[in-house]
Amino acid sequence: MARSNYNRDEELARIRADLRYYRDLLREYASMPKDVATGTNGSNQHAVRQHALADIQAIIKDLERELTSLMPPSRNLRSMPSRGEIL
């Protein structure tokens, strides 16, 4: 039992580190000034930049989903009352 918790903790730490890396990368990449170029190359650079941002956002979403699946359910959250239940 302790072994599986250790593996899960390692996995959580890895996912958190990856999330931190990709969020920093996204922030840095999004804050870069847009490349100004002439001709068709400029539009190609813009398309590549948009695809790269979308790819990073997709990776972040996947990591968040993976992190959520590994997290134990919170004991602080109270389930919603059923219909007719008096609060």
PDB file of N, CA and C in Angstrom:
ATOM      1  N   MET A   1       0.826  -1.193   0.000  1.00  0.00           N
ATOM      2  CA  MET A   1       0.000   0.000   0.000  1.00  0.00           C
ATOM      3  C   MET A   1       0.873   1.261   0.000  1.00  0.00           C
ATOM      4  N   ALA A   2       1.899   1.267   0.829  1.00  0.00           N
ATOM      5  CA  ALA A   2       2.769   2.439   0.884  1.00  0.00           C
ATOM      6  C   ALA A   2       3.499   2.624  -0.441  1.00  0.00           C
ATOM      7  N   ARG A   3       3.807   1.510  -1.093  1.00  0.00           N
ATOM      8  CA  ARG A   3       4.506   1.580  -2.379  1.00  0.00           C
ATOM      9  C   ARG A   3       3.662   2.288  -3.437  1.00  0.00           C
ATOM     10  N   SER A   4       2.364   1.969  -3.492  1.00  0.00           N
ATOM     11  CA  SER A   4       1.500   2.609  -4.485  1.00  0.00           C
ATOM     12  C   SER A   4       1.320   4.095  -4.192  1.00  0.00           C
ATOM     13  N   ASN A   5       1.268   4.460  -2.911  1.00  0.00           N
ATOM     14  CA  ASN A   5       1.179   5.882  -2.565  1.00  0.00           C
ATOM     15  C   ASN A   5       2.450   6.613  -2.985  1.00  0.00           C
ATOM     16  N   TYR A   6       3.587   5.945  -2.818  1.00  0.00           N
ATOM     17  CA  TYR A   6       4.861   6.544  -3.205  1.00  0.00           C
ATOM     18  C   TYR A   6       4.890   6.786  -4.711  1.00  0.00           C
ATOM     19  N   ASN A   7       4.444   5.799  -5.482  1.00  0.00           N
ATOM     20  CA  ASN A   7       4.401   5.956  -6.935  1.00  0.00           C
ATOM     21  C   ASN A   7       3.447   7.069  -7.339  1.00  0.00           C
ATOM     22  N   ARG A   8       2.292   7.135  -6.686  1.00  0.00           N
ATOM     23  CA  ARG A   8       1.325   8.184  -7.002  1.00  0.00           C
ATOM     24  C   ARG A   8       1.894   9.553  -6.653  1.00  0.00           C
ATOM     25  N   ASP A   9       2.581   9.647  -5.506  1.00  0.00           N
ATOM     26  CA  ASP A   9       3.185  10.922  -5.117  1.00  0.00           C
ATOM     27  C   ASP A   9       4.260  11.354  -6.114  1.00  0.00           C
ATOM     28  N   GLU A  10       5.058  10.387  -6.582  1.00  0.00           N
ATOM     29  CA  GLU A  10       6.063  10.702  -7.605  1.00  0.00           C
ATOM     30  C   GLU A  10       5.395  11.200  -8.884  1.00  0.00           C
ATOM     31  N   GLU A  11       4.322  10.527  -9.268  1.00  0.00           N
ATOM     32  CA  GLU A  11       3.602  10.901 -10.485  1.00  0.00           C
ATOM     33  C   GLU A  11       2.980  12.291 -10.338  1.00  0.00           C
ATOM     34  N   LEU A  12       2.401  12.578  -9.172  1.00  0.00           N
ATOM     35  CA  LEU A  12       1.832  13.908  -8.921  1.00  0.00           C
ATOM     36  C   LEU A  12       2.917  14.978  -9.004  1.00  0.00           C
ATOM     37  N   ALA A  13       4.070  14.699  -8.422  1.00  0.00           N
ATOM     38  CA  ALA A  13       5.172  15.665  -8.460  1.00  0.00           C
ATOM     39  C   ALA A  13       5.634  15.898  -9.897  1.00  0.00           C
ATOM     40  N   ARG A  14       5.718  14.831 -10.690  1.00  0.00           N
ATOM     41  CA  ARG A  14       6.136  14.961 -12.087  1.00  0.00           C
ATOM     42  C   ARG A  14       5.136  15.795 -12.879  1.00  0.00           C
ATOM     43  N   ILE A  15       3.847  15.519 -12.677  1.00  0.00           N
ATOM     44  CA  ILE A  15       2.813  16.251 -13.412  1.00  0.00           C
ATOM     45  C   ILE A  15       2.815  17.721 -13.010  1.00  0.00           C
ATOM     46  N   ARG A  16       2.960  17.991 -11.716  1.00  0.00           N
ATOM     47  CA  ARG A  16       3.003  19.390 -11.261  1.00  0.00           C
ATOM     48  C   ARG A  16       4.202  20.127 -11.858  1.00  0.00           C
ATOM     49  N   ALA A  17       5.350  19.452 -11.912  1.00  0.00           N
ATOM     50  CA  ALA A  17       6.544  20.073 -12.504  1.00  0.00           C
ATOM     51  C   ALA A  17       6.326  20.334 -13.995  1.00  0.00           C
ATOM     52  N   ASP A  18       5.732  19.367 -14.689  1.00  0.00           N
ATOM     53  CA  ASP A  18       5.439  19.557 -16.113  1.00  0.00           C
ATOM     54  C   ASP A  18       4.458  20.704 -16.326  1.00  0.00           C
ATOM     55  N   LEU A  19       3.433  20.767 -15.482  1.00  0.00           N
ATOM     56  CA  LEU A  19       2.453  21.856 -15.591  1.00  0.00           C
ATOM     57  C   LEU A  19       3.125  23.206 -15.395  1.00  0.00           C
ATOM     58  N   ARG A  20       3.966  23.295 -14.381  1.00  0.00           N
ATOM     59  CA  ARG A  20       4.674  24.555 -14.118  1.00  0.00           C
ATOM     60  C   ARG A  20       5.522  24.949 -15.336  1.00  0.00           C
ATOM     61  N   TYR A  21       6.224  23.971 -15.909  1.00  0.00           N
ATOM     62  CA  TYR A  21       7.070  24.234 -17.078  1.00  0.00           C
ATOM     63  C   TYR A  21       6.237  24.738 -18.256  1.00  0.00           C
ATOM     64  N   TYR A  22       5.158  24.027 -18.576  1.00  0.00           N
ATOM     65  CA  TYR A  22       4.363  24.405 -19.755  1.00  0.00           C
ATOM     66  C   TYR A  22       3.596  25.707 -19.533  1.00  0.00           C
ATOM     67  N   ARG A  23       3.172  25.990 -18.318  1.00  0.00           N
ATOM     68  CA  ARG A  23       2.515  27.278 -18.051  1.00  0.00           C
ATOM     69  C   ARG A  23       3.507  28.422 -18.208  1.00  0.00           C
ATOM     70  N   ASP A  24       4.735  28.224 -17.708  1.00  0.00           N
ATOM     71  CA  ASP A  24       5.769  29.248 -17.888  1.00  0.00           C
ATOM     72  C   ASP A  24       6.101  29.433 -19.369  1.00  0.00           C
ATOM     73  N   LEU A  25       6.188  28.316 -20.086  1.00  0.00           N
ATOM     74  CA  LEU A  25       6.469  28.374 -21.517  1.00  0.00           C
ATOM     75  C   LEU A  25       5.360  29.116 -22.261  1.00  0.00           C
ATOM     76  N   LEU A  26       4.117  28.818 -21.919  1.00  0.00           N
ATOM     77  CA  LEU A  26       2.984  29.491 -22.554  1.00  0.00           C
ATOM     78  C   LEU A  26       3.011  30.987 -22.256  1.00  0.00           C
ATOM     79  N   ARG A  27       3.265  31.337 -21.009  1.00  0.00           N
ATOM     80  CA  ARG A  27       3.316  32.749 -20.623  1.00  0.00           C
ATOM     81  C   ARG A  27       4.433  33.468 -21.382  1.00  0.00           C
ATOM     82  N   GLU A  28       5.591  32.831 -21.444  1.00  0.00           N
ATOM     83  CA  GLU A  28       6.724  33.440 -22.147  1.00  0.00           C
ATOM     84  C   GLU A  28       6.446  33.555 -23.647  1.00  0.00           C
ATOM     85  N   TYR A  29       5.911  32.500 -24.215  1.00  0.00           N
ATOM     86  CA  TYR A  29       5.650  32.479 -25.657  1.00  0.00           C
ATOM     87  C   TYR A  29       4.565  33.483 -26.028  1.00  0.00           C
ATOM     88  N   ALA A  30       3.528  33.587 -25.199  1.00  0.00           N
ATOM     89  CA  ALA A  30       2.428  34.508 -25.485  1.00  0.00           C
ATOM     90  C   ALA A  30       2.849  35.966 -25.313  1.00  0.00           C
ATOM     91  N   SER A  31       3.847  36.222 -24.469  1.00  0.00           N
ATOM     92  CA  SER A  31       4.261  37.605 -24.229  1.00  0.00           C
ATOM     93  C   SER A  31       5.320  38.084 -25.220  1.00  0.00           C
ATOM     94  N   MET A  32       5.808  37.194 -26.062  1.00  0.00           N
ATOM     95  CA  MET A  32       6.804  37.596 -27.058  1.00  0.00           C
ATOM     96  C   MET A  32       6.152  38.532 -28.071  1.00  0.00           C
ATOM     97  N   PRO A  33       6.892  39.535 -28.525  1.00  0.00           N
ATOM     98  CA  PRO A  33       6.311  40.408 -29.555  1.00  0.00           C
ATOM     99  C   PRO A  33       6.075  39.610 -30.832  1.00  0.00           C
ATOM    100  N   LYS A  34       5.003  39.945 -31.503  1.00  0.00           N
ATOM    101  CA  LYS A  34       4.687  39.243 -32.747  1.00  0.00           C
ATOM    102  C   LYS A  34       5.743  39.568 -33.791  1.00  0.00           C
ATOM    103  N   ASP A  35       6.119  38.538 -34.517  1.00  0.00           N
ATOM    104  CA  ASP A  35       7.121  38.721 -35.569  1.00  0.00           C
ATOM    105  C   ASP A  35       6.515  39.536 -36.703  1.00  0.00           C
ATOM    106  N   VAL A  36       7.237  40.547 -37.120  1.00  0.00           N
ATOM    107  CA  VAL A  36       6.787  41.361 -38.241  1.00  0.00           C
ATOM    108  C   VAL A  36       7.660  40.991 -39.429  1.00  0.00           C
ATOM    109  N   ALA A  37       7.017  40.462 -40.437  1.00  0.00           N
ATOM    110  CA  ALA A  37       7.766  40.058 -41.629  1.00  0.00           C
ATOM    111  C   ALA A  37       6.958  40.443 -42.853  1.00  0.00           C
ATOM    112  N   THR A  38       7.623  40.506 -43.960  1.00  0.00           N
ATOM    113  CA  THR A  38       6.945  40.871 -45.201  1.00  0.00           C
ATOM    114  C   THR A  38       6.721  39.631 -46.039  1.00  0.00           C
ATOM    115  N   GLY A  39       5.785  39.734 -46.962  1.00  0.00           N
ATOM    116  CA  GLY A  39       5.518  38.631 -47.876  1.00  0.00           C
ATOM    117  C   GLY A  39       4.743  37.502 -47.219  1.00  0.00           C
ATOM    118  N   THR A  40       4.751  36.364 -47.866  1.00  0.00           N
ATOM    119  CA  THR A  40       3.974  35.224 -47.368  1.00  0.00           C
ATOM    120  C   THR A  40       4.576  34.635 -46.108  1.00  0.00           C
ATOM    121  N   ASN A  41       5.865  34.867 -45.896  1.00  0.00           N
ATOM    122  CA  ASN A  41       6.514  34.314 -44.719  1.00  0.00           C
ATOM    123  C   ASN A  41       5.892  34.851 -43.429  1.00  0.00           C
ATOM    124  N   GLY A  42       5.460  36.104 -43.440  1.00  0.00           N
ATOM    125  CA  GLY A  42       4.851  36.690 -42.248  1.00  0.00           C
ATOM    126  C   GLY A  42       3.595  35.963 -41.833  1.00  0.00           C
ATOM    127  N   SER A  43       2.739  35.643 -42.792  1.00  0.00           N
ATOM    128  CA  SER A  43       1.509  34.933 -42.448  1.00  0.00           C
ATOM    129  C   SER A  43       1.818  33.507 -42.010  1.00  0.00           C
ATOM    130  N   ASN A  44       2.831  32.903 -42.599  1.00  0.00           N
ATOM    131  CA  ASN A  44       3.224  31.559 -42.180  1.00  0.00           C
ATOM    132  C   ASN A  44       3.726  31.561 -40.742  1.00  0.00           C
ATOM    133  N   GLN A  45       4.510  32.581 -40.389  1.00  0.00           N
ATOM    134  CA  GLN A  45       5.010  32.680 -39.019  1.00  0.00           C
ATOM    135  C   GLN A  45       3.858  32.841 -38.038  1.00  0.00           C
ATOM    136  N   HIS A  46       2.858  33.633 -38.418  1.00  0.00           N
ATOM    137  CA  HIS A  46       1.702  33.826 -37.547  1.00  0.00           C
ATOM    138  C   HIS A  46       0.958  32.510 -37.352  1.00  0.00           C
ATOM    139  N   ALA A  47       0.774  31.750 -38.434  1.00  0.00           N
ATOM    140  CA  ALA A  47       0.067  30.469 -38.339  1.00  0.00           C
ATOM    141  C   ALA A  47       0.841  29.489 -37.467  1.00  0.00           C
ATOM    142  N   VAL A  48       2.147  29.447 -37.632  1.00  0.00           N
ATOM    143  CA  VAL A  48       2.974  28.550 -36.816  1.00  0.00           C
ATOM    144  C   VAL A  48       2.885  28.944 -35.355  1.00  0.00           C
ATOM    145  N   ARG A  49       2.914  30.240 -35.082  1.00  0.00           N
ATOM    146  CA  ARG A  49       2.830  30.732 -33.702  1.00  0.00           C
ATOM    147  C   ARG A  49       1.495  30.333 -33.079  1.00  0.00           C
ATOM    148  N   GLN A  50       0.395  30.504 -33.805  1.00  0.00           N
ATOM    149  CA  GLN A  50      -0.929  30.153 -33.283  1.00  0.00           C
ATOM    150  C   GLN A  50      -1.034  28.656 -33.024  1.00  0.00           C
ATOM    151  N   HIS A  51      -0.472  27.852 -33.922  1.00  0.00           N
ATOM    152  CA  HIS A  51      -0.496  26.399 -33.720  1.00  0.00           C
ATOM    153  C   HIS A  51       0.335  26.005 -32.503  1.00  0.00           C
ATOM    154  N   ALA A  52       1.472  26.656 -32.319  1.00  0.00           N
ATOM    155  CA  ALA A  52       2.325  26.350 -31.171  1.00  0.00           C
ATOM    156  C   ALA A  52       1.610  26.700 -29.869  1.00  0.00           C
ATOM    157  N   LEU A  53       0.962  27.865 -29.829  1.00  0.00           N
ATOM    158  CA  LEU A  53       0.209  28.246 -28.632  1.00  0.00           C
ATOM    159  C   LEU A  53      -0.913  27.250 -28.358  1.00  0.00           C
ATOM    160  N   ALA A  54      -1.618  26.837 -29.397  1.00  0.00           N
ATOM    161  CA  ALA A  54      -2.706  25.871 -29.235  1.00  0.00           C
ATOM    162  C   ALA A  54      -2.173  24.523 -28.755  1.00  0.00           C
ATOM    163  N   ASP A  55      -1.023  24.116 -29.270  1.00  0.00           N
ATOM    164  CA  ASP A  55      -0.421  22.850 -28.837  1.00  0.00           C
ATOM    165  C   ASP A  55      -0.039  22.898 -27.360  1.00  0.00           C
ATOM    166  N   ILE A  56       0.561  23.999 -26.933  1.00  0.00           N
ATOM    167  CA  ILE A  56       0.946  24.138 -25.528  1.00  0.00           C
ATOM    168  C   ILE A  56      -0.296  24.129 -24.642  1.00  0.00           C
ATOM    169  N   GLN A  57      -1.356  24.830 -25.057  1.00  0.00           N
ATOM    170  CA  GLN A  57      -2.596  24.840 -24.281  1.00  0.00           C
ATOM    171  C   GLN A  57      -3.208  23.445 -24.195  1.00  0.00           C
ATOM    172  N   ALA A  58      -3.131  22.674 -25.271  1.00  0.00           N
ATOM    173  CA  ALA A  58      -3.662  21.303 -25.260  1.00  0.00           C
ATOM    174  C   ALA A  58      -2.858  20.421 -24.306  1.00  0.00           C
ATOM    175  N   ILE A  59      -1.547  20.586 -24.292  1.00  0.00           N
ATOM    176  CA  ILE A  59      -0.704  19.821 -23.368  1.00  0.00           C
ATOM    177  C   ILE A  59      -1.071  20.161 -21.933  1.00  0.00           C
ATOM    178  N   ILE A  60      -1.279  21.452 -21.652  1.00  0.00           N
ATOM    179  CA  ILE A  60      -1.644  21.881 -20.302  1.00  0.00           C
ATOM    180  C   ILE A  60      -2.976  21.271 -19.896  1.00  0.00           C
ATOM    181  N   LYS A  61      -3.959  21.275 -20.790  1.00  0.00           N
ATOM    182  CA  LYS A  61      -5.265  20.674 -20.491  1.00  0.00           C
ATOM    183  C   LYS A  61      -5.130  19.188 -20.184  1.00  0.00           C
ATOM    184  N   ASP A  62      -4.325  18.478 -20.977  1.00  0.00           N
ATOM    185  CA  ASP A  62      -4.112  17.047 -20.738  1.00  0.00           C
ATOM    186  C   ASP A  62      -3.457  16.799 -19.383  1.00  0.00           C
ATOM    187  N   LEU A  63      -2.458  17.613 -19.045  1.00  0.00           N
ATOM    188  CA  LEU A  63      -1.790  17.460 -17.755  1.00  0.00           C
ATOM    189  C   LEU A  63      -2.735  17.770 -16.602  1.00  0.00           C
ATOM    190  N   GLU A  64      -3.572  18.806 -16.752  1.00  0.00           N
ATOM    191  CA  GLU A  64      -4.547  19.129 -15.704  1.00  0.00           C
ATOM    192  C   GLU A  64      -5.537  17.987 -15.517  1.00  0.00           C
ATOM    193  N   ARG A  65      -5.972  17.386 -16.621  1.00  0.00           N
ATOM    194  CA  ARG A  65      -6.896  16.254 -16.553  1.00  0.00           C
ATOM    195  C   ARG A  65      -6.234  15.069 -15.843  1.00  0.00           C
ATOM    196  N   GLU A  66      -4.970  14.823 -16.183  1.00  0.00           N
ATOM    197  CA  GLU A  66      -4.225  13.729 -15.559  1.00  0.00           C
ATOM    198  C   GLU A  66      -4.030  13.990 -14.068  1.00  0.00           C
ATOM    199  N   LEU A  67      -3.721  15.235 -13.717  1.00  0.00           N
ATOM    200  CA  LEU A  67      -3.540  15.602 -12.314  1.00  0.00           C
ATOM    201  C   LEU A  67      -4.832  15.406 -11.539  1.00  0.00           C
ATOM    202  N   THR A  68      -5.946  15.821 -12.115  1.00  0.00           N
ATOM    203  CA  THR A  68      -7.246  15.672 -11.466  1.00  0.00           C
ATOM    204  C   THR A  68      -7.577  14.207 -11.237  1.00  0.00           C
ATOM    205  N   SER A  69      -7.239  13.352 -12.185  1.00  0.00           N
ATOM    206  CA  SER A  69      -7.557  11.929 -12.037  1.00  0.00           C
ATOM    207  C   SER A  69      -6.725  11.269 -10.941  1.00  0.00           C
ATOM    208  N   LEU A  70      -5.535  11.806 -10.652  1.00  0.00           N
ATOM    209  CA  LEU A  70      -4.680  11.222  -9.619  1.00  0.00           C
ATOM    210  C   LEU A  70      -4.942  11.785  -8.228  1.00  0.00           C
ATOM    211  N   MET A  71      -5.584  12.937  -8.163  1.00  0.00           N
ATOM    212  CA  MET A  71      -5.839  13.567  -6.866  1.00  0.00           C
ATOM    213  C   MET A  71      -6.924  12.805  -6.118  1.00  0.00           C
ATOM    214  N   PRO A  72      -6.728  12.603  -4.817  1.00  0.00           N
ATOM    215  CA  PRO A  72      -7.794  11.960  -4.043  1.00  0.00           C
ATOM    216  C   PRO A  72      -8.975  12.914  -3.917  1.00  0.00           C
ATOM    217  N   PRO A  73     -10.180  12.376  -3.804  1.00  0.00           N
ATOM    218  CA  PRO A  73     -11.338  13.265  -3.660  1.00  0.00           C
ATOM    219  C   PRO A  73     -11.221  14.092  -2.383  1.00  0.00           C
ATOM    220  N   SER A  74     -11.613  15.333  -2.472  1.00  0.00           N
ATOM    221  CA  SER A  74     -11.514  16.234  -1.329  1.00  0.00           C
ATOM    222  C   SER A  74     -12.569  15.893  -0.296  1.00  0.00           C
ATOM    223  N   ARG A  75     -12.154  15.922   0.944  1.00  0.00           N
ATOM    224  CA  ARG A  75     -13.105  15.657   2.034  1.00  0.00           C
ATOM    225  C   ARG A  75     -13.764  16.953   2.501  1.00  0.00           C
ATOM    226  N   ASN A  76     -13.265  18.070   1.995  1.00  0.00           N
ATOM    227  CA  ASN A  76     -13.818  19.357   2.398  1.00  0.00           C
ATOM    228  C   ASN A  76     -15.083  19.713   1.636  1.00  0.00           C
ATOM    229  N   LEU A  77     -15.274  19.095   0.494  1.00  0.00           N
ATOM    230  CA  LEU A  77     -16.445  19.411  -0.309  1.00  0.00           C
ATOM    231  C   LEU A  77     -17.641  18.628   0.196  1.00  0.00           C
ATOM    232  N   ARG A  78     -18.724  19.296   0.345  1.00  0.00           N
ATOM    233  CA  ARG A  78     -19.950  18.661   0.804  1.00  0.00           C
ATOM    234  C   ARG A  78     -20.795  18.361  -0.418  1.00  0.00           C
ATOM    235  N   SER A  79     -21.368  17.187  -0.449  1.00  0.00           N
ATOM    236  CA  SER A  79     -22.203  16.853  -1.597  1.00  0.00           C
ATOM    237  C   SER A  79     -23.455  17.717  -1.572  1.00  0.00           C
ATOM    238  N   MET A  80     -23.974  17.966  -2.732  1.00  0.00           N
ATOM    239  CA  MET A  80     -25.174  18.788  -2.848  1.00  0.00           C
ATOM    240  C   MET A  80     -26.357  18.066  -2.209  1.00  0.00           C
ATOM    241  N   PRO A  81     -27.229  18.809  -1.536  1.00  0.00           N
ATOM    242  CA  PRO A  81     -28.396  18.165  -0.924  1.00  0.00           C
ATOM    243  C   PRO A  81     -29.335  17.626  -1.996  1.00  0.00           C
ATOM    244  N   SER A  82     -29.937  16.509  -1.687  1.00  0.00           N
ATOM    245  CA  SER A  82     -30.883  15.949  -2.644  1.00  0.00           C
ATOM    246  C   SER A  82     -32.173  16.751  -2.587  1.00  0.00           C
ATOM    247  N   ARG A  83     -33.018  16.540  -3.551  1.00  0.00           N
ATOM    248  CA  ARG A  83     -34.276  17.266  -3.615  1.00  0.00           C
ATOM    249  C   ARG A  83     -35.113  16.997  -2.371  1.00  0.00           C
ATOM    250  N   GLY A  84     -35.612  18.026  -1.773  1.00  0.00           N
ATOM    251  CA  GLY A  84     -36.471  17.883  -0.604  1.00  0.00           C
ATOM    252  C   GLY A  84     -35.711  17.796   0.707  1.00  0.00           C
ATOM    253  N   GLU A  85     -34.383  17.749   0.658  1.00  0.00           N
ATOM    254  CA  GLU A  85     -33.607  17.662   1.894  1.00  0.00           C
ATOM    255  C   GLU A  85     -33.581  19.038   2.555  1.00  0.00           C
ATOM    256  N   ILE A  86     -33.781  19.059   3.846  1.00  0.00           N
ATOM    257  CA  ILE A  86     -33.763  20.315   4.598  1.00  0.00           C
ATOM    258  C   ILE A  86     -32.327  20.601   5.005  1.00  0.00           C
ATOM    259  N   LEU A  87     -31.892  21.820   4.723  1.00  0.00           N
ATOM    260  CA  LEU A  87     -30.518  22.196   5.067  1.00  0.00           C
ATOM    261  C   LEU A  87     -30.389  22.565   6.506  1.00  0.00           C
TER     262      LEU A  87
END
